[in-house]
Amino acid sequence: MALPKNVLGTELKSCCTSPMTGFYRDGYCRTGLSDQGLHIVCCVMTAEFLEFSQAVGNDLSTPIPEYEFPGLKPGDQWCLCMLRWKQALEAGCPPKVVLESTHMSAIEFVSIEDLKANAADG
């Protein structure tokens, strides 16, 4: 199976395997029909973003062992829902984006300029 493209137009790279991320828990920010949250933006977590996310009702810091979710801490990479990243961008606290690991469909929701301006690798 060929991997999809990233926002740079090259082959999508793995976002993270520790903790294991992605809607399909394979390390990639890929999406499919059953992924209603569009987990397509590979992000580097920050304390500021994790606090923001918790404040808007999505606690990513607390472990949930029954789902094998370790809880995220600053520095962890994670496939974030597209609309949560956009919401954080609008609030002024987006986590940094790993462009090579962010699915190409992200540019249907935000500009490539916004993604590049918040790139972790540049």
N, C-alpha and C. Protein backbone atom coordinates (compact mmCIF):
# COMPACT_ATOMS: atom_id res chain seq x y z
N MET A 1 0.85 -1.18 0.00
CA MET A 1 0.00 0.00 0.00
C MET A 1 0.89 1.24 0.00
N ALA A 2 0.66 2.12 -0.92
CA ALA A 2 1.41 3.37 -1.00
C ALA A 2 0.92 4.33 0.08
N LEU A 3 1.86 5.03 0.65
CA LEU A 3 1.49 6.02 1.66
C LEU A 3 0.97 7.28 0.96
N PRO A 4 0.05 7.99 1.63
CA PRO A 4 -0.42 9.27 1.07
C PRO A 4 0.70 10.31 1.10
N LYS A 5 0.43 11.45 0.54
CA LYS A 5 1.39 12.55 0.51
C LYS A 5 1.22 13.43 1.74
N ASN A 6 2.27 14.18 2.05
CA ASN A 6 2.20 15.16 3.13
C ASN A 6 1.95 16.54 2.52
N VAL A 7 1.90 17.57 3.37
CA VAL A 7 1.59 18.92 2.90
C VAL A 7 2.69 19.51 2.03
N LEU A 8 3.85 18.86 2.00
CA LEU A 8 4.96 19.31 1.15
C LEU A 8 4.93 18.62 -0.22
N GLY A 9 4.02 17.64 -0.36
CA GLY A 9 3.89 16.93 -1.63
C GLY A 9 4.77 15.70 -1.74
N THR A 10 5.43 15.32 -0.65
CA THR A 10 6.26 14.12 -0.65
C THR A 10 5.56 13.03 0.17
N GLU A 11 6.18 11.84 0.22
CA GLU A 11 5.57 10.73 0.94
C GLU A 11 5.42 11.04 2.43
N LEU A 12 4.25 10.74 2.97
CA LEU A 12 3.96 10.96 4.39
C LEU A 12 4.92 10.16 5.25
N LYS A 13 5.56 10.84 6.21
CA LYS A 13 6.47 10.19 7.15
C LYS A 13 5.73 9.88 8.45
N SER A 14 6.27 8.93 9.20
CA SER A 14 5.70 8.58 10.50
C SER A 14 5.78 9.79 11.44
N CYS A 15 4.73 9.98 12.22
CA CYS A 15 4.70 11.07 13.20
C CYS A 15 5.36 10.63 14.50
N CYS A 16 4.92 9.51 15.04
CA CYS A 16 5.44 9.04 16.33
C CYS A 16 4.96 7.63 16.62
N THR A 17 5.83 6.83 17.22
CA THR A 17 5.42 5.50 17.65
C THR A 17 5.56 5.32 19.16
N SER A 18 6.06 6.34 19.86
CA SER A 18 6.16 6.29 21.31
C SER A 18 5.90 7.68 21.88
N PRO A 19 4.65 8.00 22.25
CA PRO A 19 3.50 7.09 22.25
C PRO A 19 2.99 6.82 20.82
N MET A 20 2.37 5.65 20.65
CA MET A 20 1.82 5.28 19.35
C MET A 20 0.66 6.20 19.02
N THR A 21 0.74 6.83 17.87
CA THR A 21 -0.25 7.82 17.49
C THR A 21 -0.92 7.45 16.17
N GLY A 22 -1.81 8.32 15.74
CA GLY A 22 -2.55 8.12 14.49
C GLY A 22 -3.90 7.50 14.76
N PHE A 23 -4.86 7.84 13.94
CA PHE A 23 -6.20 7.27 14.09
C PHE A 23 -6.15 5.75 14.06
N TYR A 24 -5.27 5.21 13.22
CA TYR A 24 -5.13 3.76 13.09
C TYR A 24 -4.08 3.19 14.03
N ARG A 25 -3.52 4.03 14.90
CA ARG A 25 -2.46 3.65 15.85
C ARG A 25 -1.34 2.88 15.14
N ASP A 26 -0.87 3.52 14.06
CA ASP A 26 0.25 2.94 13.30
C ASP A 26 1.40 3.95 13.18
N GLY A 27 1.28 5.09 13.87
CA GLY A 27 2.33 6.09 13.85
C GLY A 27 2.15 7.16 12.79
N TYR A 28 1.19 6.97 11.88
CA TYR A 28 0.99 7.90 10.77
C TYR A 28 -0.28 8.72 10.94
N CYS A 29 -0.23 9.97 10.51
CA CYS A 29 -1.39 10.86 10.55
C CYS A 29 -2.19 10.67 9.26
N ARG A 30 -2.74 9.46 9.13
CA ARG A 30 -3.59 9.13 7.98
C ARG A 30 -5.04 9.22 8.41
N THR A 31 -5.93 9.28 7.43
CA THR A 31 -7.35 9.37 7.75
C THR A 31 -8.13 8.42 6.85
N GLY A 32 -9.36 8.19 7.20
CA GLY A 32 -10.25 7.33 6.43
C GLY A 32 -11.69 7.67 6.78
N LEU A 33 -12.60 6.96 6.19
CA LEU A 33 -14.03 7.25 6.37
C LEU A 33 -14.47 7.23 7.83
N SER A 34 -13.89 6.36 8.64
CA SER A 34 -14.32 6.26 10.04
C SER A 34 -13.66 7.29 10.96
N ASP A 35 -12.70 8.05 10.45
CA ASP A 35 -11.99 9.05 11.26
C ASP A 35 -12.72 10.39 11.17
N GLN A 36 -13.74 10.54 12.00
CA GLN A 36 -14.53 11.77 11.96
C GLN A 36 -13.77 12.98 12.49
N GLY A 37 -12.73 12.75 13.30
CA GLY A 37 -11.96 13.86 13.85
C GLY A 37 -10.84 14.35 12.94
N LEU A 38 -10.58 13.63 11.86
CA LEU A 38 -9.49 13.98 10.95
C LEU A 38 -8.17 14.18 11.70
N HIS A 39 -7.60 13.10 12.19
CA HIS A 39 -6.33 13.12 12.94
C HIS A 39 -5.16 13.19 11.96
N ILE A 40 -4.96 14.38 11.36
CA ILE A 40 -4.05 14.49 10.22
C ILE A 40 -2.88 15.46 10.43
N VAL A 41 -2.83 16.15 11.57
CA VAL A 41 -1.77 17.13 11.80
C VAL A 41 -0.79 16.56 12.82
N CYS A 42 0.45 16.32 12.39
CA CYS A 42 1.47 15.83 13.31
C CYS A 42 2.02 17.04 14.08
N CYS A 43 1.84 17.02 15.39
CA CYS A 43 2.20 18.16 16.24
C CYS A 43 3.15 17.77 17.35
N VAL A 44 3.93 18.74 17.76
CA VAL A 44 4.78 18.61 18.94
C VAL A 44 4.04 19.33 20.07
N MET A 45 3.68 18.57 21.09
CA MET A 45 2.90 19.12 22.20
C MET A 45 3.69 20.16 22.99
N THR A 46 2.97 21.18 23.44
CA THR A 46 3.52 22.19 24.33
C THR A 46 2.63 22.26 25.57
N ALA A 47 3.16 22.74 26.68
CA ALA A 47 2.36 22.90 27.89
C ALA A 47 1.18 23.83 27.61
N GLU A 48 1.45 24.92 26.89
CA GLU A 48 0.40 25.89 26.58
C GLU A 48 -0.73 25.24 25.79
N PHE A 49 -0.40 24.44 24.77
CA PHE A 49 -1.45 23.80 23.98
C PHE A 49 -2.20 22.76 24.81
N LEU A 50 -1.49 21.97 25.60
CA LEU A 50 -2.17 20.94 26.40
C LEU A 50 -3.14 21.57 27.39
N GLU A 51 -2.78 22.71 27.97
CA GLU A 51 -3.70 23.44 28.86
C GLU A 51 -4.90 23.95 28.07
N PHE A 52 -4.66 24.51 26.90
CA PHE A 52 -5.75 25.00 26.04
C PHE A 52 -6.69 23.86 25.68
N SER A 53 -6.14 22.75 25.24
CA SER A 53 -6.96 21.62 24.82
C SER A 53 -7.84 21.12 25.97
N GLN A 54 -7.26 21.03 27.15
CA GLN A 54 -8.03 20.60 28.33
C GLN A 54 -9.15 21.61 28.62
N ALA A 55 -8.85 22.90 28.49
CA ALA A 55 -9.84 23.94 28.78
C ALA A 55 -11.02 23.91 27.81
N VAL A 56 -10.80 23.42 26.59
CA VAL A 56 -11.90 23.34 25.62
C VAL A 56 -12.51 21.93 25.57
N GLY A 57 -12.19 21.12 26.58
CA GLY A 57 -12.87 19.84 26.73
C GLY A 57 -12.19 18.62 26.14
N ASN A 58 -10.90 18.73 25.78
CA ASN A 58 -10.19 17.57 25.25
C ASN A 58 -8.90 17.39 26.04
N ASP A 59 -9.00 16.64 27.14
CA ASP A 59 -7.86 16.41 28.02
C ASP A 59 -6.93 15.37 27.39
N LEU A 60 -5.80 15.85 26.89
CA LEU A 60 -4.82 14.96 26.28
C LEU A 60 -3.69 14.60 27.24
N SER A 61 -3.72 15.14 28.45
CA SER A 61 -2.64 14.93 29.41
C SER A 61 -2.87 13.74 30.34
N THR A 62 -4.12 13.42 30.61
CA THR A 62 -4.44 12.36 31.56
C THR A 62 -4.41 10.99 30.90
N PRO A 63 -3.63 10.05 31.46
CA PRO A 63 -3.59 8.70 30.89
C PRO A 63 -4.97 8.03 30.95
N ILE A 64 -5.26 7.23 29.92
CA ILE A 64 -6.47 6.41 29.89
C ILE A 64 -6.02 4.98 29.56
N PRO A 65 -5.64 4.22 30.61
CA PRO A 65 -5.05 2.90 30.40
C PRO A 65 -5.93 1.94 29.58
N GLU A 66 -7.24 2.02 29.74
CA GLU A 66 -8.12 1.10 29.01
C GLU A 66 -8.08 1.30 27.50
N TYR A 67 -7.59 2.47 27.07
CA TYR A 67 -7.41 2.73 25.63
C TYR A 67 -5.93 2.75 25.25
N GLU A 68 -5.09 2.29 26.20
CA GLU A 68 -3.65 2.29 26.00
C GLU A 68 -3.13 3.67 25.64
N PHE A 69 -3.74 4.69 26.26
CA PHE A 69 -3.33 6.07 26.05
C PHE A 69 -2.52 6.53 27.26
N PRO A 70 -1.23 6.86 27.04
CA PRO A 70 -0.36 7.19 28.17
C PRO A 70 -0.53 8.59 28.72
N GLY A 71 -1.29 9.44 28.03
CA GLY A 71 -1.33 10.85 28.38
C GLY A 71 -0.13 11.53 27.74
N LEU A 72 -0.33 12.73 27.25
CA LEU A 72 0.73 13.43 26.53
C LEU A 72 1.39 14.47 27.41
N LYS A 73 2.66 14.72 27.14
CA LYS A 73 3.42 15.75 27.86
C LYS A 73 4.13 16.62 26.83
N PRO A 74 4.58 17.80 27.24
CA PRO A 74 5.30 18.66 26.30
C PRO A 74 6.47 17.90 25.65
N GLY A 75 6.60 18.09 24.35
CA GLY A 75 7.65 17.41 23.58
C GLY A 75 7.17 16.17 22.86
N ASP A 76 6.06 15.57 23.33
CA ASP A 76 5.51 14.40 22.64
C ASP A 76 4.96 14.82 21.28
N GLN A 77 5.09 13.93 20.30
CA GLN A 77 4.47 14.16 19.00
C GLN A 77 3.18 13.36 18.94
N TRP A 78 2.16 13.93 18.25
CA TRP A 78 0.83 13.33 18.26
C TRP A 78 0.07 13.76 17.01
N CYS A 79 -0.72 12.86 16.45
CA CYS A 79 -1.59 13.20 15.33
C CYS A 79 -2.84 13.87 15.89
N LEU A 80 -2.90 15.15 15.71
CA LEU A 80 -3.97 15.97 16.27
C LEU A 80 -5.11 16.12 15.27
N CYS A 81 -6.32 16.27 15.80
CA CYS A 81 -7.48 16.55 14.95
C CYS A 81 -7.29 17.91 14.26
N MET A 82 -7.61 17.95 12.99
CA MET A 82 -7.42 19.16 12.19
C MET A 82 -8.14 20.36 12.80
N LEU A 83 -9.38 20.20 13.19
CA LEU A 83 -10.15 21.34 13.68
C LEU A 83 -9.64 21.82 15.04
N ARG A 84 -9.06 20.92 15.86
CA ARG A 84 -8.48 21.34 17.15
C ARG A 84 -7.24 22.19 16.88
N TRP A 85 -6.42 21.80 15.88
CA TRP A 85 -5.24 22.61 15.57
C TRP A 85 -5.67 23.98 15.07
N LYS A 86 -6.66 24.00 14.22
CA LYS A 86 -7.15 25.28 13.68
C LYS A 86 -7.70 26.16 14.81
N GLN A 87 -8.42 25.54 15.74
CA GLN A 87 -8.97 26.26 16.89
C GLN A 87 -7.83 26.84 17.74
N ALA A 88 -6.78 26.06 17.95
CA ALA A 88 -5.64 26.54 18.72
C ALA A 88 -4.90 27.65 17.97
N LEU A 89 -4.81 27.55 16.66
CA LEU A 89 -4.20 28.60 15.85
C LEU A 89 -4.96 29.92 16.04
N GLU A 90 -6.28 29.84 15.97
CA GLU A 90 -7.12 31.03 16.12
C GLU A 90 -7.02 31.61 17.53
N ALA A 91 -6.73 30.74 18.53
CA ALA A 91 -6.59 31.19 19.91
C ALA A 91 -5.16 31.65 20.22
N GLY A 92 -4.26 31.50 19.26
CA GLY A 92 -2.89 31.96 19.44
C GLY A 92 -1.96 30.99 20.14
N CYS A 93 -2.34 29.71 20.22
CA CYS A 93 -1.47 28.74 20.91
C CYS A 93 -1.37 27.41 20.18
N PRO A 94 -1.15 27.44 18.85
CA PRO A 94 -1.07 26.15 18.15
C PRO A 94 0.22 25.41 18.49
N PRO A 95 0.15 24.09 18.60
CA PRO A 95 1.39 23.34 18.76
C PRO A 95 2.15 23.36 17.43
N LYS A 96 3.46 23.17 17.50
CA LYS A 96 4.29 23.15 16.30
C LYS A 96 3.92 21.95 15.42
N VAL A 97 4.05 22.13 14.11
CA VAL A 97 3.65 21.12 13.13
C VAL A 97 4.88 20.47 12.50
N VAL A 98 4.85 19.15 12.40
CA VAL A 98 5.88 18.41 11.67
C VAL A 98 5.34 18.23 10.25
N LEU A 99 5.82 19.08 9.34
CA LEU A 99 5.25 19.14 7.99
C LEU A 99 5.36 17.82 7.23
N GLU A 100 6.49 17.14 7.33
CA GLU A 100 6.68 15.89 6.59
C GLU A 100 5.72 14.79 7.06
N SER A 101 5.16 14.95 8.25
CA SER A 101 4.28 13.93 8.83
C SER A 101 2.82 14.39 8.91
N THR A 102 2.51 15.54 8.30
CA THR A 102 1.14 16.07 8.29
C THR A 102 0.49 15.77 6.95
N HIS A 103 -0.65 15.11 7.00
CA HIS A 103 -1.37 14.66 5.81
C HIS A 103 -1.73 15.82 4.88
N MET A 104 -1.63 15.57 3.59
CA MET A 104 -1.86 16.61 2.57
C MET A 104 -3.24 17.25 2.68
N SER A 105 -4.23 16.55 3.19
CA SER A 105 -5.58 17.12 3.24
C SER A 105 -5.69 18.26 4.26
N ALA A 106 -4.67 18.47 5.09
CA ALA A 106 -4.70 19.58 6.05
C ALA A 106 -4.85 20.92 5.35
N ILE A 107 -4.31 21.03 4.14
CA ILE A 107 -4.37 22.32 3.43
C ILE A 107 -5.76 22.60 2.87
N GLU A 108 -6.70 21.68 3.06
CA GLU A 108 -8.10 21.96 2.72
C GLU A 108 -8.75 22.79 3.83
N PHE A 109 -8.09 22.87 5.00
CA PHE A 109 -8.68 23.53 6.18
C PHE A 109 -7.91 24.77 6.62
N VAL A 110 -6.60 24.75 6.42
CA VAL A 110 -5.75 25.89 6.77
C VAL A 110 -4.74 26.07 5.65
N SER A 111 -4.16 27.24 5.58
CA SER A 111 -3.20 27.51 4.50
C SER A 111 -1.86 26.85 4.78
N ILE A 112 -1.17 26.53 3.72
CA ILE A 112 0.19 25.99 3.86
C ILE A 112 1.08 27.03 4.55
N GLU A 113 0.78 28.31 4.35
CA GLU A 113 1.56 29.37 5.01
C GLU A 113 1.40 29.31 6.53
N ASP A 114 0.15 29.07 7.01
CA ASP A 114 -0.06 28.94 8.45
C ASP A 114 0.68 27.72 9.00
N LEU A 115 0.66 26.62 8.26
CA LEU A 115 1.35 25.42 8.69
C LEU A 115 2.86 25.67 8.74
N LYS A 116 3.40 26.27 7.68
CA LYS A 116 4.84 26.53 7.63
C LYS A 116 5.26 27.54 8.70
N ALA A 117 4.42 28.53 8.99
CA ALA A 117 4.75 29.52 10.01
C ALA A 117 4.83 28.90 11.40
N ASN A 118 4.20 27.73 11.56
CA ASN A 118 4.19 27.04 12.84
C ASN A 118 4.93 25.71 12.78
N ALA A 119 5.85 25.60 11.82
CA ALA A 119 6.58 24.35 11.62
C ALA A 119 7.57 24.08 12.75
N ALA A 120 7.63 22.84 13.17
CA ALA A 120 8.58 22.41 14.20
C ALA A 120 9.98 22.29 13.61
N ASP A 121 10.04 22.03 12.32
CA ASP A 121 11.31 21.75 11.67
C ASP A 121 11.78 22.93 10.81
N GLY A 122 11.45 24.12 11.22
CA GLY A 122 11.90 25.26 10.45
C GLY A 122 11.40 26.51 11.05
